[in-house]
Amino acid sequence: MHLSKCYLQRRHLVVILAFLGFANIYAMRANLSVAIVQMTSDTVVTTVDGEQ
């Protein structure tokens, strides 16, 4: 007796999960490249007291 009915075939589920995985990797790579640029910039923040 088959208890549950799957509306998506397994290949469609794999394609959806692969797409979400690649989208996640792309987003992390884009955010990391922006973060690296910000971490290596030569800006100095000075407070009102003159401290860095």
N, C-alpha and C. Protein backbone atom coordinates (compact mmCIF):
# COMPACT_ATOMS: atom_id res chain seq x y z
N MET A 1 0.84 -1.18 0.00
CA MET A 1 0.00 0.00 0.00
C MET A 1 0.88 1.25 0.00
N HIS A 2 0.61 2.14 -0.94
CA HIS A 2 1.37 3.37 -1.06
C HIS A 2 0.71 4.44 -0.18
N LEU A 3 1.44 4.92 0.83
CA LEU A 3 0.84 5.81 1.82
C LEU A 3 0.75 7.27 1.37
N SER A 4 1.77 7.77 0.70
CA SER A 4 1.76 9.18 0.31
C SER A 4 1.93 9.32 -1.20
N LYS A 5 1.35 10.35 -1.73
CA LYS A 5 1.45 10.60 -3.16
C LYS A 5 2.32 11.84 -3.36
N CYS A 6 3.35 11.70 -4.15
CA CYS A 6 4.27 12.80 -4.41
C CYS A 6 3.84 13.50 -5.70
N TYR A 7 3.62 14.80 -5.62
CA TYR A 7 3.17 15.54 -6.79
C TYR A 7 4.34 15.97 -7.67
N LEU A 8 5.52 16.06 -7.11
CA LEU A 8 6.71 16.40 -7.89
C LEU A 8 7.55 15.15 -8.11
N GLN A 9 8.03 15.01 -9.31
CA GLN A 9 8.96 13.91 -9.54
C GLN A 9 10.29 14.26 -8.90
N ARG A 10 11.07 13.24 -8.66
CA ARG A 10 12.34 13.44 -7.97
C ARG A 10 13.27 14.34 -8.77
N ARG A 11 13.26 14.24 -10.08
CA ARG A 11 14.16 15.08 -10.89
C ARG A 11 13.79 16.56 -10.79
N HIS A 12 12.50 16.86 -10.67
CA HIS A 12 12.10 18.25 -10.50
C HIS A 12 12.53 18.78 -9.14
N LEU A 13 12.45 17.96 -8.14
CA LEU A 13 12.89 18.36 -6.81
C LEU A 13 14.40 18.62 -6.80
N VAL A 14 15.16 17.77 -7.49
CA VAL A 14 16.61 17.96 -7.57
C VAL A 14 16.94 19.26 -8.30
N VAL A 15 16.21 19.56 -9.37
CA VAL A 15 16.44 20.79 -10.12
C VAL A 15 16.14 22.01 -9.26
N ILE A 16 15.05 21.98 -8.53
CA ILE A 16 14.69 23.11 -7.66
C ILE A 16 15.73 23.31 -6.57
N LEU A 17 16.16 22.23 -5.93
CA LEU A 17 17.16 22.35 -4.87
C LEU A 17 18.51 22.79 -5.43
N ALA A 18 18.88 22.32 -6.63
CA ALA A 18 20.13 22.74 -7.24
C ALA A 18 20.09 24.23 -7.58
N PHE A 19 18.95 24.70 -8.10
CA PHE A 19 18.81 26.12 -8.40
C PHE A 19 18.95 26.97 -7.15
N LEU A 20 18.29 26.56 -6.08
CA LEU A 20 18.39 27.31 -4.82
C LEU A 20 19.81 27.29 -4.28
N GLY A 21 20.50 26.17 -4.43
CA GLY A 21 21.89 26.08 -3.98
C GLY A 21 22.80 27.00 -4.76
N PHE A 22 22.66 27.01 -6.09
CA PHE A 22 23.49 27.89 -6.91
C PHE A 22 23.17 29.36 -6.66
N ALA A 23 21.90 29.68 -6.44
CA ALA A 23 21.53 31.06 -6.12
C ALA A 23 22.14 31.48 -4.79
N ASN A 24 22.16 30.57 -3.82
CA ASN A 24 22.75 30.86 -2.52
C ASN A 24 24.26 31.07 -2.64
N ILE A 25 24.92 30.24 -3.41
CA ILE A 25 26.37 30.39 -3.61
C ILE A 25 26.68 31.72 -4.29
N TYR A 26 25.89 32.09 -5.30
CA TYR A 26 26.11 33.36 -6.00
C TYR A 26 25.92 34.54 -5.05
N ALA A 27 24.88 34.50 -4.23
CA ALA A 27 24.63 35.59 -3.29
C ALA A 27 25.75 35.70 -2.26
N MET A 28 26.24 34.58 -1.75
CA MET A 28 27.34 34.63 -0.78
C MET A 28 28.60 35.16 -1.43
N ARG A 29 28.87 34.78 -2.69
CA ARG A 29 30.07 35.26 -3.36
C ARG A 29 29.99 36.76 -3.59
N ALA A 30 28.83 37.26 -3.99
CA ALA A 30 28.67 38.70 -4.22
C ALA A 30 28.83 39.47 -2.92
N ASN A 31 28.22 38.99 -1.84
CA ASN A 31 28.33 39.67 -0.55
C ASN A 31 29.74 39.62 -0.01
N LEU A 32 30.43 38.52 -0.21
CA LEU A 32 31.80 38.40 0.28
C LEU A 32 32.73 39.33 -0.48
N SER A 33 32.52 39.50 -1.78
CA SER A 33 33.38 40.40 -2.53
C SER A 33 33.19 41.85 -2.07
N VAL A 34 31.98 42.23 -1.74
CA VAL A 34 31.74 43.58 -1.21
C VAL A 34 32.38 43.72 0.17
N ALA A 35 32.28 42.70 0.99
CA ALA A 35 32.86 42.76 2.34
C ALA A 35 34.38 42.85 2.28
N ILE A 36 35.00 42.13 1.38
CA ILE A 36 36.47 42.17 1.27
C ILE A 36 36.92 43.56 0.85
N VAL A 37 36.21 44.17 -0.08
CA VAL A 37 36.56 45.53 -0.51
C VAL A 37 36.44 46.49 0.67
N GLN A 38 35.40 46.36 1.47
CA GLN A 38 35.22 47.25 2.62
C GLN A 38 36.28 47.01 3.69
N MET A 39 36.70 45.76 3.87
CA MET A 39 37.71 45.46 4.89
C MET A 39 39.09 45.96 4.50
N THR A 40 39.36 46.11 3.21
CA THR A 40 40.69 46.51 2.77
C THR A 40 40.77 47.98 2.40
N SER A 41 39.70 48.74 2.60
CA SER A 41 39.75 50.16 2.26
C SER A 41 40.60 50.90 3.29
N ASP A 42 41.16 52.02 2.87
CA ASP A 42 42.07 52.79 3.72
C ASP A 42 41.37 53.95 4.42
N THR A 43 40.15 53.78 4.81
CA THR A 43 39.43 54.86 5.49
C THR A 43 39.70 54.77 6.99
N VAL A 44 39.80 55.93 7.62
CA VAL A 44 40.03 56.01 9.06
C VAL A 44 38.86 56.76 9.67
N VAL A 45 38.25 56.17 10.67
CA VAL A 45 37.13 56.81 11.36
C VAL A 45 37.67 57.49 12.60
N THR A 46 37.42 58.79 12.74
CA THR A 46 37.89 59.57 13.88
C THR A 46 36.68 60.04 14.68
N THR A 47 36.74 59.86 16.00
CA THR A 47 35.64 60.28 16.86
C THR A 47 35.77 61.76 17.18
N VAL A 48 34.83 62.29 17.94
CA VAL A 48 34.84 63.71 18.32
C VAL A 48 36.05 64.02 19.20
N ASP A 49 36.48 63.05 20.02
CA ASP A 49 37.62 63.25 20.91
C ASP A 49 38.95 63.19 20.18
N GLY A 50 38.96 62.86 18.92
CA GLY A 50 40.19 62.76 18.16
C GLY A 50 40.80 61.37 18.18
N GLU A 51 40.11 60.40 18.78
CA GLU A 51 40.62 59.03 18.80
C GLU A 51 40.21 58.31 17.53
N GLN A 52 41.00 57.31 17.19
CA GLN A 52 40.70 56.52 16.00
C GLN A 52 39.95 55.28 16.35
